[in-house]
Amino acid sequence: MNKCVSIGLISLYVLLIAAGSVLGQQKIAFVAGVEKYRNDEFQPLDFAETDAAELKTELELLGFKVTSVLGAAATTSGLRDKLNNFINQTKKLSSKDIVVVYFSGHGLMK
């Protein structure tokens, strides 16, 4: 795992421990890691999937229900479908619940 992700995970731990668990609180997360792209403009990444998988494991240890998209499932349609389902889950949450969204990969603004 690279140094930035390690620092990010430590920060996330501190934040979540400080927040504590409220009785009945839901904790959900969306974690995606994309290393390979169909578009040749984007160079393959080395650690996007590994970083996302490690964060998924850590969040699960903290009691999160994690929706993840990694590897071959991390296509445009795969990401869109899983993210839409995740967004629908968030509509049922209250203000005391915790939501984490993490994406490791290239970004493009249109």
C-alpha atoms as a PDB file:
ATOM      1  CA  MET A   1       0.000   0.000   0.000  1.00  0.00           C
ATOM      2  CA  ASN A   2       1.408   3.411  -0.831  1.00  0.00           C
ATOM      3  CA  LYS A   3       2.176   6.039   1.796  1.00  0.00           C
ATOM      4  CA  CYS A   4      -0.714   8.395   0.908  1.00  0.00           C
ATOM      5  CA  VAL A   5      -3.281   5.625   1.264  1.00  0.00           C
ATOM      6  CA  SER A   6      -1.750   4.534   4.581  1.00  0.00           C
ATOM      7  CA  ILE A   7      -2.038   8.077   5.926  1.00  0.00           C
ATOM      8  CA  GLY A   8      -5.586   8.267   4.568  1.00  0.00           C
ATOM      9  CA  LEU A   9      -6.542   5.016   6.314  1.00  0.00           C
ATOM     10  CA  ILE A  10      -5.090   6.225   9.605  1.00  0.00           C
ATOM     11  CA  SER A  11      -7.028   9.472   9.269  1.00  0.00           C
ATOM     12  CA  LEU A  12     -10.200   7.533   8.517  1.00  0.00           C
ATOM     13  CA  TYR A  13      -9.660   5.325  11.585  1.00  0.00           C
ATOM     14  CA  VAL A  14      -9.192   8.349  13.838  1.00  0.00           C
ATOM     15  CA  LEU A  15     -12.281  10.045  12.434  1.00  0.00           C
ATOM     16  CA  LEU A  16     -14.449   6.953  12.827  1.00  0.00           C
ATOM     17  CA  ILE A  17     -13.188   6.133  16.312  1.00  0.00           C
ATOM     18  CA  ALA A  18     -13.735   9.735  17.391  1.00  0.00           C
ATOM     19  CA  ALA A  19     -17.267   9.640  16.016  1.00  0.00           C
ATOM     20  CA  GLY A  20     -18.011   6.447  17.954  1.00  0.00           C
ATOM     21  CA  SER A  21     -20.930   4.167  17.285  1.00  0.00           C
ATOM     22  CA  VAL A  22     -24.418   5.407  17.929  1.00  0.00           C
ATOM     23  CA  LEU A  23     -27.002   2.764  18.778  1.00  0.00           C
ATOM     24  CA  GLY A  24     -28.790   1.752  15.586  1.00  0.00           C
ATOM     25  CA  GLN A  25     -26.340   3.684  13.428  1.00  0.00           C
ATOM     26  CA  GLN A  26     -25.804   2.331   9.933  1.00  0.00           C
ATOM     27  CA  LYS A  27     -22.370   2.438   8.332  1.00  0.00           C
ATOM     28  CA  ILE A  28     -22.172   1.889   4.594  1.00  0.00           C
ATOM     29  CA  ALA A  29     -19.393   2.424   2.078  1.00  0.00           C
ATOM     30  CA  PHE A  30     -18.821   2.371  -1.665  1.00  0.00           C
ATOM     31  CA  VAL A  31     -15.280   1.380  -2.660  1.00  0.00           C
ATOM     32  CA  ALA A  32     -14.046   1.167  -6.257  1.00  0.00           C
ATOM     33  CA  GLY A  33     -10.616   0.469  -7.699  1.00  0.00           C
ATOM     34  CA  VAL A  34      -9.878   0.644 -11.423  1.00  0.00           C
ATOM     35  CA  GLU A  35      -6.425  -0.172 -12.805  1.00  0.00           C
ATOM     36  CA  LYS A  36      -7.070  -0.997 -16.455  1.00  0.00           C
ATOM     37  CA  TYR A  37      -8.981   1.119 -18.957  1.00  0.00           C
ATOM     38  CA  ARG A  38     -10.273   0.366 -22.458  1.00  0.00           C
ATOM     39  CA  ASN A  39      -9.181   3.854 -23.549  1.00  0.00           C
ATOM     40  CA  ASP A  40      -5.480   3.877 -24.481  1.00  0.00           C
ATOM     41  CA  GLU A  41      -5.193   7.507 -23.283  1.00  0.00           C
ATOM     42  CA  PHE A  42      -5.019   6.191 -19.720  1.00  0.00           C
ATOM     43  CA  GLN A  43      -1.975   4.329 -18.503  1.00  0.00           C
ATOM     44  CA  PRO A  44      -2.746   1.264 -16.371  1.00  0.00           C
ATOM     45  CA  LEU A  45      -2.337   1.900 -12.649  1.00  0.00           C
ATOM     46  CA  ASP A  46      -0.360  -0.347 -10.318  1.00  0.00           C
ATOM     47  CA  PHE A  47      -2.100  -0.134  -6.950  1.00  0.00           C
ATOM     48  CA  ALA A  48      -5.659   1.168  -7.441  1.00  0.00           C
ATOM     49  CA  GLU A  49      -7.347  -2.206  -6.919  1.00  0.00           C
ATOM     50  CA  THR A  50      -5.040  -3.213  -4.074  1.00  0.00           C
ATOM     51  CA  ASP A  51      -5.614   0.074  -2.232  1.00  0.00           C
ATOM     52  CA  ALA A  52      -9.377  -0.196  -2.685  1.00  0.00           C
ATOM     53  CA  ALA A  53      -9.425  -3.855  -1.559  1.00  0.00           C
ATOM     54  CA  GLU A  54      -7.390  -3.027   1.558  1.00  0.00           C
ATOM     55  CA  LEU A  55      -9.689  -0.136   2.437  1.00  0.00           C
ATOM     56  CA  LYS A  56     -12.718  -2.412   1.927  1.00  0.00           C
ATOM     57  CA  THR A  57     -11.258  -4.905   4.414  1.00  0.00           C
ATOM     58  CA  GLU A  58     -10.527  -2.192   6.980  1.00  0.00           C
ATOM     59  CA  LEU A  59     -13.991  -0.685   6.668  1.00  0.00           C
ATOM     60  CA  GLU A  60     -15.586  -4.105   7.123  1.00  0.00           C
ATOM     61  CA  LEU A  61     -13.535  -4.563  10.298  1.00  0.00           C
ATOM     62  CA  LEU A  62     -15.048  -1.285  11.498  1.00  0.00           C
ATOM     63  CA  GLY A  63     -18.550  -2.636  10.916  1.00  0.00           C
ATOM     64  CA  PHE A  64     -19.312  -1.096   7.523  1.00  0.00           C
ATOM     65  CA  LYS A  65     -21.482  -2.801   4.931  1.00  0.00           C
ATOM     66  CA  VAL A  66     -19.281  -2.284   1.876  1.00  0.00           C
ATOM     67  CA  THR A  67     -20.323  -2.248  -1.769  1.00  0.00           C
ATOM     68  CA  SER A  68     -17.197  -2.695  -3.872  1.00  0.00           C
ATOM     69  CA  VAL A  69     -16.298  -2.718  -7.545  1.00  0.00           C
ATOM     70  CA  LEU A  70     -12.852  -4.119  -8.312  1.00  0.00           C
ATOM     71  CA  GLY A  71     -10.983  -5.834 -11.133  1.00  0.00           C
ATOM     72  CA  ALA A  72     -12.951  -7.087 -14.125  1.00  0.00           C
ATOM     73  CA  ALA A  73     -16.231  -5.845 -12.595  1.00  0.00           C
ATOM     74  CA  ALA A  74     -14.950  -2.246 -12.678  1.00  0.00           C
ATOM     75  CA  THR A  75     -16.361  -1.428 -16.101  1.00  0.00           C
ATOM     76  CA  THR A  76     -18.364   1.693 -16.877  1.00  0.00           C
ATOM     77  CA  SER A  77     -21.637  -0.213 -16.617  1.00  0.00           C
ATOM     78  CA  GLY A  78     -20.463  -2.186 -13.570  1.00  0.00           C
ATOM     79  CA  LEU A  79     -19.532   1.008 -11.721  1.00  0.00           C
ATOM     80  CA  ARG A  80     -22.730   2.768 -12.778  1.00  0.00           C
ATOM     81  CA  ASP A  81     -24.984  -0.119 -11.684  1.00  0.00           C
ATOM     82  CA  LYS A  82     -23.312  -0.624  -8.303  1.00  0.00           C
ATOM     83  CA  LEU A  83     -23.163   3.124  -7.635  1.00  0.00           C
ATOM     84  CA  ASN A  84     -26.858   3.576  -8.483  1.00  0.00           C
ATOM     85  CA  ASN A  85     -27.764   0.733  -6.100  1.00  0.00           C
ATOM     86  CA  PHE A  86     -25.577   2.316  -3.427  1.00  0.00           C
ATOM     87  CA  ILE A  87     -27.220   5.718  -3.913  1.00  0.00           C
ATOM     88  CA  ASN A  88     -30.603   4.055  -3.441  1.00  0.00           C
ATOM     89  CA  GLN A  89     -29.341   2.607  -0.124  1.00  0.00           C
ATOM     90  CA  THR A  90     -28.344   6.066   1.078  1.00  0.00           C
ATOM     91  CA  LYS A  91     -31.907   7.343   0.601  1.00  0.00           C
ATOM     92  CA  LYS A  92     -32.947   5.157   3.542  1.00  0.00           C
ATOM     93  CA  LEU A  93     -30.342   6.590   5.932  1.00  0.00           C
ATOM     94  CA  SER A  94     -30.694   9.142   8.685  1.00  0.00           C
ATOM     95  CA  SER A  95     -28.421  11.996   9.719  1.00  0.00           C
ATOM     96  CA  LYS A  96     -26.733   9.819  12.373  1.00  0.00           C
ATOM     97  CA  ASP A  97     -25.545   7.239   9.827  1.00  0.00           C
ATOM     98  CA  ILE A  98     -22.080   7.229   8.234  1.00  0.00           C
ATOM     99  CA  VAL A  99     -21.409   7.003   4.492  1.00  0.00           C
ATOM    100  CA  VAL A 100     -17.948   6.606   2.933  1.00  0.00           C
ATOM    101  CA  VAL A 101     -17.290   6.820  -0.817  1.00  0.00           C
ATOM    102  CA  TYR A 102     -13.822   5.922  -2.115  1.00  0.00           C
ATOM    103  CA  PHE A 103     -12.565   5.748  -5.711  1.00  0.00           C
ATOM    104  CA  SER A 104      -9.051   4.779  -6.721  1.00  0.00           C
ATOM    105  CA  GLY A 105      -8.305   5.270 -10.413  1.00  0.00           C
ATOM    106  CA  HIS A 106      -8.006   7.887 -13.116  1.00  0.00           C
ATOM    107  CA  GLY A 107     -10.459  10.762 -13.167  1.00  0.00           C
ATOM    108  CA  LEU A 108     -11.813  12.696 -16.108  1.00  0.00           C
ATOM    109  CA  MET A 109     -14.029  15.760 -16.078  1.00  0.00           C
ATOM    110  CA  LYS A 110     -16.370  16.348 -18.990  1.00  0.00           C
END
